PDB file of N, CA and C in Angstrom:
ATOM      1  N   MET A   1      54.741  43.945 -90.741  1.00  0.00           N
ATOM      2  CA  MET A   1      54.122  43.074 -90.516  1.00  0.00           C
ATOM      3  C   MET A   1      52.844  43.757 -89.570  1.00  0.00           C
ATOM      4  N   GLU A   2      53.886  44.373 -88.251  1.00  0.00           N
ATOM      5  CA  GLU A   2      53.154  44.885 -87.540  1.00  0.00           C
ATOM      6  C   GLU A   2      52.246  46.125 -87.681  1.00  0.00           C
ATOM      7  N   GLU A   3      52.759  46.885 -88.552  1.00  0.00           N
ATOM      8  CA  GLU A   3      51.989  48.244 -89.484  1.00  0.00           C
ATOM      9  C   GLU A   3      50.879  47.751 -89.867  1.00  0.00           C
ATOM     10  N   VAL A   4      50.897  46.492 -90.777  1.00  0.00           N
ATOM     11  CA  VAL A   4      49.134  46.024 -91.472  1.00  0.00           C
ATOM     12  C   VAL A   4      48.639  45.680 -90.438  1.00  0.00           C
ATOM     13  N   LEU A   5      48.777  44.494 -89.455  1.00  0.00           N
ATOM     14  CA  LEU A   5      47.911  44.410 -88.048  1.00  0.00           C
ATOM     15  C   LEU A   5      47.453  45.632 -87.433  1.00  0.00           C
ATOM     16  N   ALA A   6      48.472  46.773 -86.992  1.00  0.00           N
ATOM     17  CA  ALA A   6      48.169  47.791 -86.505  1.00  0.00           C
ATOM     18  C   ALA A   6      46.446  48.475 -87.065  1.00  0.00           C
ATOM     19  N   ASP A   7      46.913  48.510 -88.743  1.00  0.00           N
ATOM     20  CA  ASP A   7      45.932  48.778 -89.512  1.00  0.00           C
ATOM     21  C   ASP A   7      44.541  48.182 -89.119  1.00  0.00           C
ATOM     22  N   ALA A   8      44.625  46.894 -89.472  1.00  0.00           N
ATOM     23  CA  ALA A   8      43.663  46.156 -89.503  1.00  0.00           C
ATOM     24  C   ALA A   8      42.827  45.821 -88.198  1.00  0.00           C
ATOM     25  N   THR A   9      43.414  46.008 -87.482  1.00  0.00           N
ATOM     26  CA  THR A   9      42.678  46.291 -86.076  1.00  0.00           C
ATOM     27  C   THR A   9      41.978  47.360 -85.546  1.00  0.00           C
ATOM     28  N   ARG A  10      42.510  48.642 -86.142  1.00  0.00           N
ATOM     29  CA  ARG A  10      41.526  49.901 -86.114  1.00  0.00           C
ATOM     30  C   ARG A  10      40.152  49.469 -86.930  1.00  0.00           C
ATOM     31  N   GLN A  11      40.545  48.773 -87.721  1.00  0.00           N
ATOM     32  CA  GLN A  11      39.020  48.962 -88.616  1.00  0.00           C
ATOM     33  C   GLN A  11      38.000  48.328 -87.737  1.00  0.00           C
ATOM     34  N   GLN A  12      38.064  47.537 -86.797  1.00  0.00           N
ATOM     35  CA  GLN A  12      36.874  47.019 -86.208  1.00  0.00           C
ATOM     36  C   GLN A  12      36.109  46.013 -86.971  1.00  0.00           C
ATOM     37  N   SER A  13      36.497  44.958 -87.508  1.00  0.00           N
ATOM     38  CA  SER A  13      35.969  43.892 -88.152  1.00  0.00           C
ATOM     39  C   SER A  13      36.654  43.138 -88.514  1.00  0.00           C
ATOM     40  N   PRO A  14      35.798  41.719 -88.600  1.00  0.00           N
ATOM     41  CA  PRO A  14      36.462  40.810 -89.296  1.00  0.00           C
ATOM     42  C   PRO A  14      37.286  40.828 -89.851  1.00  0.00           C
ATOM     43  N   THR A  15      38.784  39.888 -89.593  1.00  0.00           N
ATOM     44  CA  THR A  15      40.012  40.564 -90.935  1.00  0.00           C
ATOM     45  C   THR A  15      40.963  38.881 -91.095  1.00  0.00           C
ATOM     46  N   LEU A  16      41.097  38.947 -92.266  1.00  0.00           N
ATOM     47  CA  LEU A  16      42.126  37.781 -92.324  1.00  0.00           C
ATOM     48  C   LEU A  16      42.908  38.333 -92.863  1.00  0.00           C
ATOM     49  N   VAL A  17      44.242  38.344 -92.924  1.00  0.00           N
ATOM     50  CA  VAL A  17      45.436  38.603 -93.127  1.00  0.00           C
ATOM     51  C   VAL A  17      46.159  37.076 -93.127  1.00  0.00           C
ATOM     52  N   ALA A  18      46.637  36.810 -94.085  1.00  0.00           N
ATOM     53  CA  ALA A  18      47.156  35.345 -95.285  1.00  0.00           C
ATOM     54  C   ALA A  18      48.103  35.686 -95.993  1.00  0.00           C
ATOM     55  N   GLY A  19      49.267  34.937 -96.318  1.00  0.00           N
ATOM     56  CA  GLY A  19      49.984  35.129 -97.415  1.00  0.00           C
ATOM     57  C   GLY A  19      51.556  34.170 -97.185  1.00  0.00           C
ATOM     58  N   ASP A  20      52.526  34.635 -98.423  1.00  0.00           N
ATOM     59  CA  ASP A  20      53.804  34.650 -98.191  1.00  0.00           C
ATOM     60  C   ASP A  20      54.496  35.441 -97.341  1.00  0.00           C
ATOM     61  N   LEU A  21      54.142  35.258 -95.975  1.00  0.00           N
ATOM     62  CA  LEU A  21      54.850  36.189 -95.382  1.00  0.00           C
ATOM     63  C   LEU A  21      56.212  36.462 -94.849  1.00  0.00           C
ATOM     64  N   ASN A  22      56.765  35.396 -95.528  1.00  0.00           N
ATOM     65  CA  ASN A  22      58.664  35.231 -95.320  1.00  0.00           C
ATOM     66  C   ASN A  22      58.961  36.047 -93.990  1.00  0.00           C
ATOM     67  N   PHE A  23      58.284  35.322 -92.695  1.00  0.00           N
ATOM     68  CA  PHE A  23      58.480  35.297 -91.715  1.00  0.00           C
ATOM     69  C   PHE A  23      58.140  34.466 -90.807  1.00  0.00           C
ATOM     70  N   ASP A  24      59.201  34.105 -89.732  1.00  0.00           N
ATOM     71  CA  ASP A  24      58.929  33.014 -88.923  1.00  0.00           C
ATOM     72  C   ASP A  24      57.984  33.745 -87.560  1.00  0.00           C
ATOM     73  N   ALA A  25      56.862  33.331 -87.718  1.00  0.00           N
ATOM     74  CA  ALA A  25      55.740  33.793 -86.809  1.00  0.00           C
ATOM     75  C   ALA A  25      55.853  33.078 -85.485  1.00  0.00           C
ATOM     76  N   SER A  26      56.731  32.029 -85.581  1.00  0.00           N
ATOM     77  CA  SER A  26      56.702  31.415 -83.927  1.00  0.00           C
ATOM     78  C   SER A  26      56.814  31.873 -83.065  1.00  0.00           C
ATOM     79  N   THR A  27      57.422  33.250 -83.242  1.00  0.00           N
ATOM     80  CA  THR A  27      57.819  34.430 -82.218  1.00  0.00           C
ATOM     81  C   THR A  27      56.286  35.206 -81.966  1.00  0.00           C
ATOM     82  N   SER A  28      55.477  34.837 -82.756  1.00  0.00           N
ATOM     83  CA  SER A  28      54.233  35.563 -82.425  1.00  0.00           C
ATOM     84  C   SER A  28      54.076  37.373 -82.446  1.00  0.00           C
ATOM     85  N   PRO A  29      54.366  38.038 -83.946  1.00  0.00           N
ATOM     86  CA  PRO A  29      54.225  39.209 -83.792  1.00  0.00           C
ATOM     87  C   PRO A  29      53.012  39.591 -83.980  1.00  0.00           C
ATOM     88  N   THR A  30      51.995  38.912 -84.054  1.00  0.00           N
ATOM     89  CA  THR A  30      50.494  38.987 -83.705  1.00  0.00           C
ATOM     90  C   THR A  30      50.204  39.538 -82.312  1.00  0.00           C
ATOM     91  N   GLN A  31      50.660  39.074 -81.383  1.00  0.00           N
ATOM     92  CA  GLN A  31      50.299  39.506 -80.179  1.00  0.00           C
ATOM     93  C   GLN A  31      50.455  41.131 -79.762  1.00  0.00           C
ATOM     94  N   GLY A  32      49.165  41.164 -78.850  1.00  0.00           N
ATOM     95  CA  GLY A  32      49.112  42.561 -78.537  1.00  0.00           C
ATOM     96  C   GLY A  32      47.903  43.358 -79.501  1.00  0.00           C
ATOM     97  N   PHE A  33      47.690  42.386 -81.029  1.00  0.00           N
ATOM     98  CA  PHE A  33      46.915  42.786 -82.152  1.00  0.00           C
ATOM     99  C   PHE A  33      45.488  42.401 -81.811  1.00  0.00           C
ATOM    100  N   GLY A  34      45.236  41.232 -81.403  1.00  0.00           N
ATOM    101  CA  GLY A  34      44.104  40.515 -81.538  1.00  0.00           C
ATOM    102  C   GLY A  34      43.912  39.402 -82.063  1.00  0.00           C
ATOM    103  N   PHE A  35      45.068  38.729 -83.189  1.00  0.00           N
ATOM    104  CA  PHE A  35      45.023  38.096 -84.177  1.00  0.00           C
ATOM    105  C   PHE A  35      45.311  36.877 -83.514  1.00  0.00           C
ATOM    106  N   ARG A  36      44.911  35.809 -84.302  1.00  0.00           N
ATOM    107  CA  ARG A  36      45.274  34.258 -84.419  1.00  0.00           C
ATOM    108  C   ARG A  36      45.514  33.152 -85.328  1.00  0.00           C
ATOM    109  N   SER A  37      46.444  32.350 -85.287  1.00  0.00           N
ATOM    110  CA  SER A  37      46.703  31.825 -86.809  1.00  0.00           C
ATOM    111  C   SER A  37      45.592  31.043 -86.819  1.00  0.00           C
ATOM    112  N   ALA A  38      45.155  30.670 -87.722  1.00  0.00           N
ATOM    113  CA  ALA A  38      44.416  30.124 -88.257  1.00  0.00           C
ATOM    114  C   ALA A  38      44.882  28.474 -88.997  1.00  0.00           C
ATOM    115  N   LEU A  39      46.162  28.442 -88.520  1.00  0.00           N
ATOM    116  CA  LEU A  39      46.673  27.145 -89.076  1.00  0.00           C
ATOM    117  C   LEU A  39      46.936  26.855 -87.591  1.00  0.00           C
ATOM    118  N   GLY A  40      46.654  27.332 -86.397  1.00  0.00           N
ATOM    119  CA  GLY A  40      47.476  26.691 -84.966  1.00  0.00           C
ATOM    120  C   GLY A  40      49.018  27.159 -85.012  1.00  0.00           C
ATOM    121  N   LEU A  41      49.617  26.903 -83.421  1.00  0.00           N
ATOM    122  CA  LEU A  41      50.851  27.383 -83.525  1.00  0.00           C
ATOM    123  C   LEU A  41      51.109  26.280 -82.574  1.00  0.00           C
ATOM    124  N   PRO A  42      52.510  25.772 -82.789  1.00  0.00           N
ATOM    125  CA  PRO A  42      52.966  25.988 -83.723  1.00  0.00           C
ATOM    126  C   PRO A  42      52.545  25.139 -85.118  1.00  0.00           C
ATOM    127  N   SER A  43      52.854  25.962 -86.120  1.00  0.00           N
ATOM    128  CA  SER A  43      52.469  25.793 -87.738  1.00  0.00           C
ATOM    129  C   SER A  43      53.283  24.930 -87.970  1.00  0.00           C
ATOM    130  N   PRO A  44      53.045  24.011 -88.982  1.00  0.00           N
ATOM    131  CA  PRO A  44      53.984  22.867 -89.714  1.00  0.00           C
ATOM    132  C   PRO A  44      54.323  23.819 -90.746  1.00  0.00           C
ATOM    133  N   HIS A  45      55.475  23.082 -91.279  1.00  0.00           N
ATOM    134  CA  HIS A  45      56.962  23.423 -92.078  1.00  0.00           C
ATOM    135  C   HIS A  45      55.765  23.757 -93.448  1.00  0.00           C
ATOM    136  N   THR A  46      56.109  25.003 -94.321  1.00  0.00           N
ATOM    137  CA  THR A  46      54.927  25.482 -95.141  1.00  0.00           C
ATOM    138  C   THR A  46      56.130  25.470 -96.548  1.00  0.00           C
ATOM    139  N   THR A  47      57.022  24.958 -96.140  1.00  0.00           N
ATOM    140  CA  THR A  47      58.269  24.910 -97.389  1.00  0.00           C
ATOM    141  C   THR A  47      58.892  23.293 -97.351  1.00  0.00           C
ATOM    142  N   PRO A  48      59.206  22.868 -98.288  1.00  0.00           N
ATOM    143  CA  PRO A  48      59.910  22.015 -98.183  1.00  0.00           C
ATOM    144  C   PRO A  48      61.676  22.427 -98.043  1.00  0.00           C
ATOM    145  N   ALA A  49      62.585  21.254 -97.313  1.00  0.00           N
ATOM    146  CA  ALA A  49      63.881  21.490 -97.413  1.00  0.00           C
ATOM    147  C   ALA A  49      64.287  21.350 -98.947  1.00  0.00           C
ATOM    148  N   ARG A  50      65.090  22.258 -99.392  1.00  0.00           N
ATOM    149  CA  ARG A  50      65.281  22.380-100.755  1.00  0.00           C
ATOM    150  C   ARG A  50      67.309  22.380-100.584  1.00  0.00           C
ATOM    151  N   GLY A  51      68.134  21.406-101.003  1.00  0.00           N
ATOM    152  CA  GLY A  51      68.873  21.423-101.205  1.00  0.00           C
ATOM    153  C   GLY A  51      69.608  20.356 -99.815  1.00  0.00           C
ATOM    154  N   LEU A  52      71.078  20.133 -99.747  1.00  0.00           N
ATOM    155  CA  LEU A  52      71.162  19.343 -98.587  1.00  0.00           C
ATOM    156  C   LEU A  52      71.535  20.132 -97.351  1.00  0.00           C
ATOM    157  N   PHE A  53      71.837  21.325 -97.447  1.00  0.00           N
ATOM    158  CA  PHE A  53      72.038  21.939 -95.884  1.00  0.00           C
ATOM    159  C   PHE A  53      70.739  23.436 -95.638  1.00  0.00           C
ATOM    160  N   GLN A  54      69.428  23.458 -96.660  1.00  0.00           N
ATOM    161  CA  GLN A  54      68.412  24.066 -96.459  1.00  0.00           C
ATOM    162  C   GLN A  54      67.691  22.902 -95.467  1.00  0.00           C
ATOM    163  N   ARG A  55      66.810  23.927 -94.552  1.00  0.00           N
ATOM    164  CA  ARG A  55      65.479  23.339 -93.905  1.00  0.00           C
ATOM    165  C   ARG A  55      64.727  23.715 -94.510  1.00  0.00           C
ATOM    166  N   GLN A  56      63.459  22.669 -93.702  1.00  0.00           N
ATOM    167  CA  GLN A  56      61.943  23.209 -94.221  1.00  0.00           C
ATOM    168  C   GLN A  56      62.069  24.605 -93.383  1.00  0.00           C
ATOM    169  N   ARG A  57      60.966  25.662 -93.689  1.00  0.00           N
ATOM    170  CA  ARG A  57      60.729  26.636 -93.174  1.00  0.00           C
ATOM    171  C   ARG A  57      59.346  26.628 -92.883  1.00  0.00           C
ATOM    172  N   THR A  58      58.711  27.744 -91.948  1.00  0.00           N
ATOM    173  CA  THR A  58      57.290  27.960 -91.765  1.00  0.00           C
ATOM    174  C   THR A  58      57.185  29.181 -92.164  1.00  0.00           C
ATOM    175  N   ILE A  59      57.058  30.047 -92.951  1.00  0.00           N
ATOM    176  CA  ILE A  59      56.570  31.172 -93.474  1.00  0.00           C
ATOM    177  C   ILE A  59      55.615  31.443 -94.371  1.00  0.00           C
ATOM    178  N   ASP A  60      54.471  30.903 -94.426  1.00  0.00           N
ATOM    179  CA  ASP A  60      53.336  30.871 -94.934  1.00  0.00           C
ATOM    180  C   ASP A  60      51.985  31.080 -93.501  1.00  0.00           C
ATOM    181  N   TRP A  61      51.698  31.985 -93.588  1.00  0.00           N
ATOM    182  CA  TRP A  61      50.524  32.150 -92.585  1.00  0.00           C
ATOM    183  C   TRP A  61      48.992  32.713 -93.028  1.00  0.00           C
ATOM    184  N   ALA A  62      48.182  32.270 -92.312  1.00  0.00           N
ATOM    185  CA  ALA A  62      47.212  32.929 -92.083  1.00  0.00           C
ATOM    186  C   ALA A  62      46.702  33.518 -90.585  1.00  0.00           C
ATOM    187  N   PHE A  63      46.390  34.743 -90.394  1.00  0.00           N
ATOM    188  CA  PHE A  63      46.124  35.240 -89.369  1.00  0.00           C
ATOM    189  C   PHE A  63      44.449  35.687 -89.264  1.00  0.00           C
ATOM    190  N   VAL A  64      43.811  35.316 -88.461  1.00  0.00           N
ATOM    191  CA  VAL A  64      42.258  35.970 -88.093  1.00  0.00           C
ATOM    192  C   VAL A  64      42.258  36.880 -86.903  1.00  0.00           C
ATOM    193  N   SER A  65      41.306  37.597 -87.085  1.00  0.00           N
ATOM    194  CA  SER A  65      40.567  38.547 -85.750  1.00  0.00           C
ATOM    195  C   SER A  65      39.235  38.726 -85.964  1.00  0.00           C
ATOM    196  N   GLY A  66      38.569  38.760 -84.587  1.00  0.00           N
ATOM    197  CA  GLY A  66      37.152  39.284 -84.868  1.00  0.00           C
ATOM    198  C   GLY A  66      36.516  37.793 -84.392  1.00  0.00           C
ATOM    199  N   PRO A  67      35.355  37.707 -84.520  1.00  0.00           N
ATOM    200  CA  PRO A  67      34.421  36.643 -84.573  1.00  0.00           C
ATOM    201  C   PRO A  67      34.802  35.242 -85.573  1.00  0.00           C
ATOM    202  N   VAL A  68      35.905  35.409 -85.719  1.00  0.00           N
ATOM    203  CA  VAL A  68      36.409  34.494 -87.168  1.00  0.00           C
ATOM    204  C   VAL A  68      37.012  33.441 -86.147  1.00  0.00           C
ATOM    205  N   GLU A  69      36.301  31.854 -86.560  1.00  0.00           N
ATOM    206  CA  GLU A  69      36.763  30.806 -85.564  1.00  0.00           C
ATOM    207  C   GLU A  69      37.303  29.983 -86.873  1.00  0.00           C
ATOM    208  N   ALA A  70      38.796  29.937 -87.114  1.00  0.00           N
ATOM    209  CA  ALA A  70      39.192  28.951 -87.611  1.00  0.00           C
ATOM    210  C   ALA A  70      39.706  27.757 -87.271  1.00  0.00           C
ATOM    211  N   THR A  71      39.252  26.460 -87.752  1.00  0.00           N
ATOM    212  CA  THR A  71      39.383  25.325 -87.777  1.00  0.00           C
ATOM    213  C   THR A  71      39.555  24.730 -88.978  1.00  0.00           C
ATOM    214  N   LEU A  72      40.269  23.018 -88.727  1.00  0.00           N
ATOM    215  CA  LEU A  72      40.942  22.343 -89.805  1.00  0.00           C
ATOM    216  C   LEU A  72      41.919  23.092 -90.464  1.00  0.00           C
ATOM    217  N   GLY A  73      43.151  23.666 -89.802  1.00  0.00           N
ATOM    218  CA  GLY A  73      43.909  24.334 -90.499  1.00  0.00           C
ATOM    219  C   GLY A  73      44.788  23.541 -91.020  1.00  0.00           C
ATOM    220  N   HIS A  74      45.820  23.260 -92.315  1.00  0.00           N
ATOM    221  CA  HIS A  74      45.790  22.461 -93.226  1.00  0.00           C
ATOM    222  C   HIS A  74      47.070  22.919 -93.821  1.00  0.00           C
ATOM    223  N   VAL A  75      48.111  22.179 -93.928  1.00  0.00           N
ATOM    224  CA  VAL A  75      49.176  22.367 -94.683  1.00  0.00           C
ATOM    225  C   VAL A  75      49.678  21.451 -95.540  1.00  0.00           C
ATOM    226  N   HIS A  76      49.446  21.480 -96.986  1.00  0.00           N
ATOM    227  CA  HIS A  76      48.816  20.484 -97.953  1.00  0.00           C
ATOM    228  C   HIS A  76      50.287  20.168 -98.432  1.00  0.00           C
ATOM    229  N   THR A  77      51.077  19.383 -97.581  1.00  0.00           N
ATOM    230  CA  THR A  77      52.379  19.272 -98.334  1.00  0.00           C
ATOM    231  C   THR A  77      52.435  17.707 -98.985  1.00  0.00           C
ATOM    232  N   GLU A  78      51.220  17.292 -99.868  1.00  0.00           N
ATOM    233  CA  GLU A  78      50.963  16.311-100.699  1.00  0.00           C
ATOM    234  C   GLU A  78      51.220  17.499-102.246  1.00  0.00           C
ATOM    235  N   ILE A  79      50.925  18.210-101.889  1.00  0.00           N
ATOM    236  CA  ILE A  79      50.698  19.126-103.289  1.00  0.00           C
ATOM    237  C   ILE A  79      52.278  19.995-103.698  1.00  0.00           C
ATOM    238  N   ARG A  80      52.796  19.725-104.732  1.00  0.00           N
ATOM    239  CA  ARG A  80      54.368  20.358-104.720  1.00  0.00           C
ATOM    240  C   ARG A  80      54.514  21.221-106.279  1.00  0.00           C
ATOM    241  N   ALA A  81      53.012  22.316-106.361  1.00  0.00           N
ATOM    242  CA  ALA A  81      52.881  22.785-107.518  1.00  0.00           C
ATOM    243  C   ALA A  81      54.195  24.148-107.343  1.00  0.00           C
ATOM    244  N   SER A  82      54.755  24.217-106.231  1.00  0.00           N
ATOM    245  CA  SER A  82      55.213  25.502-106.075  1.00  0.00           C
ATOM    246  C   SER A  82      56.328  25.423-105.126  1.00  0.00           C
ATOM    247  N   ASP A  83      57.252  26.370-104.602  1.00  0.00           N
ATOM    248  CA  ASP A  83      58.247  26.051-103.715  1.00  0.00           C
ATOM    249  C   ASP A  83      57.692  26.159-102.173  1.00  0.00           C
ATOM    250  N   HIS A  84      56.378  26.748-102.344  1.00  0.00           N
ATOM    251  CA  HIS A  84      55.577  26.368-101.115  1.00  0.00           C
ATOM    252  C   HIS A  84      54.212  25.739-101.123  1.00  0.00           C
ATOM    253  N   TYR A  85      54.186  24.623 -99.576  1.00  0.00           N
ATOM    254  CA  TYR A  85      53.018  24.162 -99.872  1.00  0.00           C
ATOM    255  C   TYR A  85      51.757  24.926 -99.502  1.00  0.00           C
ATOM    256  N   PRO A  86      50.415  24.490-100.582  1.00  0.00           N
ATOM    257  CA  PRO A  86      49.206  25.484 -99.843  1.00  0.00           C
ATOM    258  C   PRO A  86      49.065  25.390 -98.682  1.00  0.00           C
ATOM    259  N   ILE A  87      48.183  26.182 -98.075  1.00  0.00           N
ATOM    260  CA  ILE A  87      47.590  26.331 -96.663  1.00  0.00           C
ATOM    261  C   ILE A  87      45.846  26.462 -96.776  1.00  0.00           C
ATOM    262  N   SER A  88      45.370  25.904 -96.028  1.00  0.00           N
ATOM    263  CA  SER A  88      43.648  26.428 -95.807  1.00  0.00           C
ATOM    264  C   SER A  88      43.152  25.992 -94.600  1.00  0.00           C
ATOM    265  N   PHE A  89      42.259  26.548 -94.346  1.00  0.00           N
ATOM    266  CA  PHE A  89      41.445  26.289 -92.651  1.00  0.00           C
ATOM    267  C   PHE A  89      39.953  26.634 -93.196  1.00  0.00           C
ATOM    268  N   THR A  90      39.272  26.336 -92.187  1.00  0.00           N
ATOM    269  CA  THR A  90      37.556  26.362 -92.662  1.00  0.00           C
ATOM    270  C   THR A  90      36.929  27.469 -91.583  1.00  0.00           C
ATOM    271  N   GLU A  91      36.322  28.088 -91.817  1.00  0.00           N
ATOM    272  CA  GLU A  91      35.570  29.418 -90.644  1.00  0.00           C
ATOM    273  C   GLU A  91      34.353  28.940 -90.618  1.00  0.00           C
ATOM    274  N   SER A  92      34.401  28.910 -89.174  1.00  0.00           N
ATOM    275  CA  SER A  92      33.330  28.179 -88.694  1.00  0.00           C
ATOM    276  C   SER A  92      32.733  29.238 -87.336  1.00  0.00           C
ATOM    277  N   GLY A  93      33.133  30.545 -87.095  1.00  0.00           N
ATOM    278  CA  GLY A  93      32.445  31.485 -86.493  1.00  0.00           C
ATOM    279  C   GLY A  93      31.155  31.908 -86.919  1.00  0.00           C
ATOM    280  N   SER A  94      31.118  32.975 -85.865  1.00  0.00           N
ATOM    281  CA  SER A  94      29.338  34.050 -86.033  1.00  0.00           C
ATOM    282  C   SER A  94      29.698  34.973 -86.899  1.00  0.00           C
ATOM    283  N   LEU A  95      29.662  35.042 -87.973  1.00  0.00           N
ATOM    284  CA  LEU A  95      30.430  36.200 -88.890  1.00  0.00           C
ATOM    285  C   LEU A  95      28.775  36.754 -88.895  1.00  0.00           C
ATOM    286  N   LYS A  96      27.930  35.952 -88.888  1.00  0.00           N
ATOM    287  CA  LYS A  96      26.507  36.927 -89.432  1.00  0.00           C
ATOM    288  C   LYS A  96      26.330  37.919 -88.262  1.00  0.00           C
ATOM    289  N   GLU A  97      26.768  38.218 -86.897  1.00  0.00           N
ATOM    290  CA  GLU A  97      26.926  38.912 -86.230  1.00  0.00           C
ATOM    291  C   GLU A  97      27.069  40.471 -87.028  1.00  0.00           C
ATOM    292  N   TRP A  98      27.755  40.948 -87.897  1.00  0.00           N
ATOM    293  CA  TRP A  98      28.582  41.351 -88.498  1.00  0.00           C
ATOM    294  C   TRP A  98      27.803  41.820 -89.561  1.00  0.00           C
TER     295      TRP A  98
END
Protein backbone atom coordinates (compact mmCIF):
# COMPACT_ATOMS: atom_id res chain seq x y z
CA MET A 1 0.00 0.00 0.00
CA GLU A 2 2.82 2.38 0.81
CA GLU A 3 4.26 1.84 -2.69
CA VAL A 4 0.90 2.67 -4.32
CA LEU A 5 0.47 5.81 -2.22
CA ALA A 6 4.05 6.96 -2.85
CA ASP A 7 3.57 6.53 -6.61
CA ALA A 8 0.23 8.36 -6.55
CA THR A 9 1.81 11.21 -4.59
CA ARG A 10 4.46 11.70 -7.28
CA GLN A 11 1.72 12.27 -9.89
CA GLN A 12 0.72 15.56 -8.19
CA SER A 13 -2.90 15.30 -9.31
CA PRO A 14 -6.17 14.53 -7.52
CA THR A 15 -6.16 10.84 -6.73
CA LEU A 16 -8.61 8.20 -5.56
CA VAL A 17 -7.35 4.88 -4.20
CA ALA A 18 -10.21 2.58 -3.26
CA GLY A 19 -11.25 -1.01 -2.96
CA ASP A 20 -11.08 -4.22 -1.01
CA LEU A 21 -7.67 -3.41 0.43
CA ASN A 22 -7.77 -6.14 3.10
CA PHE A 23 -5.97 -4.21 5.77
CA ASP A 24 -6.90 -2.29 8.87
CA ALA A 25 -6.23 1.33 7.98
CA SER A 26 -7.08 2.55 11.47
CA THR A 27 -3.31 2.64 11.98
CA SER A 28 -3.33 5.01 8.98
CA PRO A 29 -0.73 3.86 6.47
CA THR A 30 -1.77 6.96 4.52
CA GLN A 31 -0.04 9.33 6.96
CA GLY A 32 2.78 11.20 5.32
CA PHE A 33 1.33 10.75 1.83
CA GLY A 34 -1.37 13.45 1.96
CA PHE A 35 -4.29 11.03 1.59
CA ARG A 36 -7.51 11.22 3.62
CA SER A 37 -10.22 8.67 4.19
CA ALA A 38 -13.31 9.37 2.07
CA LEU A 39 -15.38 7.47 4.62
CA GLY A 40 -14.01 9.22 7.67
CA LEU A 41 -11.98 7.60 10.41
CA PRO A 42 -12.81 5.55 12.23
CA SER A 43 -14.72 3.97 9.40
CA PRO A 44 -17.65 1.68 10.15
CA HIS A 45 -17.25 -2.04 9.59
CA THR A 46 -17.25 -3.02 5.92
CA THR A 47 -17.76 -6.76 6.38
CA PRO A 48 -20.38 -8.58 8.44
CA ALA A 49 -19.41 -11.01 11.16
CA ARG A 50 -19.22 -14.53 9.76
CA GLY A 51 -19.67 -17.40 12.10
CA LEU A 52 -19.69 -17.46 15.84
CA PHE A 53 -16.06 -16.45 16.39
CA GLN A 54 -15.39 -14.06 13.51
CA ARG A 55 -15.91 -10.37 14.13
CA GLN A 56 -16.87 -7.60 11.76
CA ARG A 57 -13.89 -6.03 10.00
CA THR A 58 -13.04 -2.70 8.41
CA ILE A 59 -10.92 -3.62 5.38
CA ASP A 60 -12.51 -1.75 2.45
CA TRP A 61 -11.35 1.82 1.99
CA ALA A 62 -11.49 4.89 -0.23
CA PHE A 63 -8.65 7.40 0.12
CA VAL A 64 -8.47 10.77 -1.67
CA SER A 65 -5.78 13.40 -2.16
CA GLY A 66 -5.50 16.86 -3.66
CA PRO A 67 -8.47 19.22 -3.86
CA VAL A 68 -10.93 16.32 -3.54
CA GLU A 69 -13.40 16.91 -0.71
CA ALA A 70 -15.14 13.69 0.22
CA THR A 71 -18.47 14.01 2.01
CA LEU A 72 -21.34 11.70 2.83
CA GLY A 73 -19.09 8.67 3.23
CA HIS A 74 -21.29 5.64 3.79
CA VAL A 75 -21.07 1.89 4.27
CA HIS A 76 -24.26 0.31 2.90
CA THR A 77 -24.84 -2.39 5.51
CA GLU A 78 -28.38 -2.97 4.23
CA ILE A 79 -27.04 -4.45 0.97
CA ARG A 80 -26.00 -8.07 1.39
CA ALA A 81 -24.95 -9.02 -2.17
CA SER A 82 -21.37 -9.92 -1.20
CA ASP A 83 -19.20 -10.77 1.78
CA HIS A 84 -18.38 -7.03 1.87
CA TYR A 85 -20.73 -4.09 2.11
CA PRO A 86 -20.61 -1.50 -0.70
CA ILE A 87 -19.06 1.86 0.19
CA SER A 88 -19.76 5.26 -1.33
CA PHE A 89 -19.00 8.94 -0.93
CA THR A 90 -19.71 12.21 -2.71
CA GLU A 91 -16.98 14.46 -4.10
CA SER A 92 -17.70 18.10 -3.40
CA GLY A 93 -14.27 19.68 -3.85
CA SER A 94 -12.82 22.06 -6.37
CA LEU A 95 -11.57 19.73 -9.08
CA LYS A 96 -12.23 22.46 -11.66
CA GLU A 97 -8.84 23.95 -10.73
CA TRP A 98 -7.17 20.90 -12.27
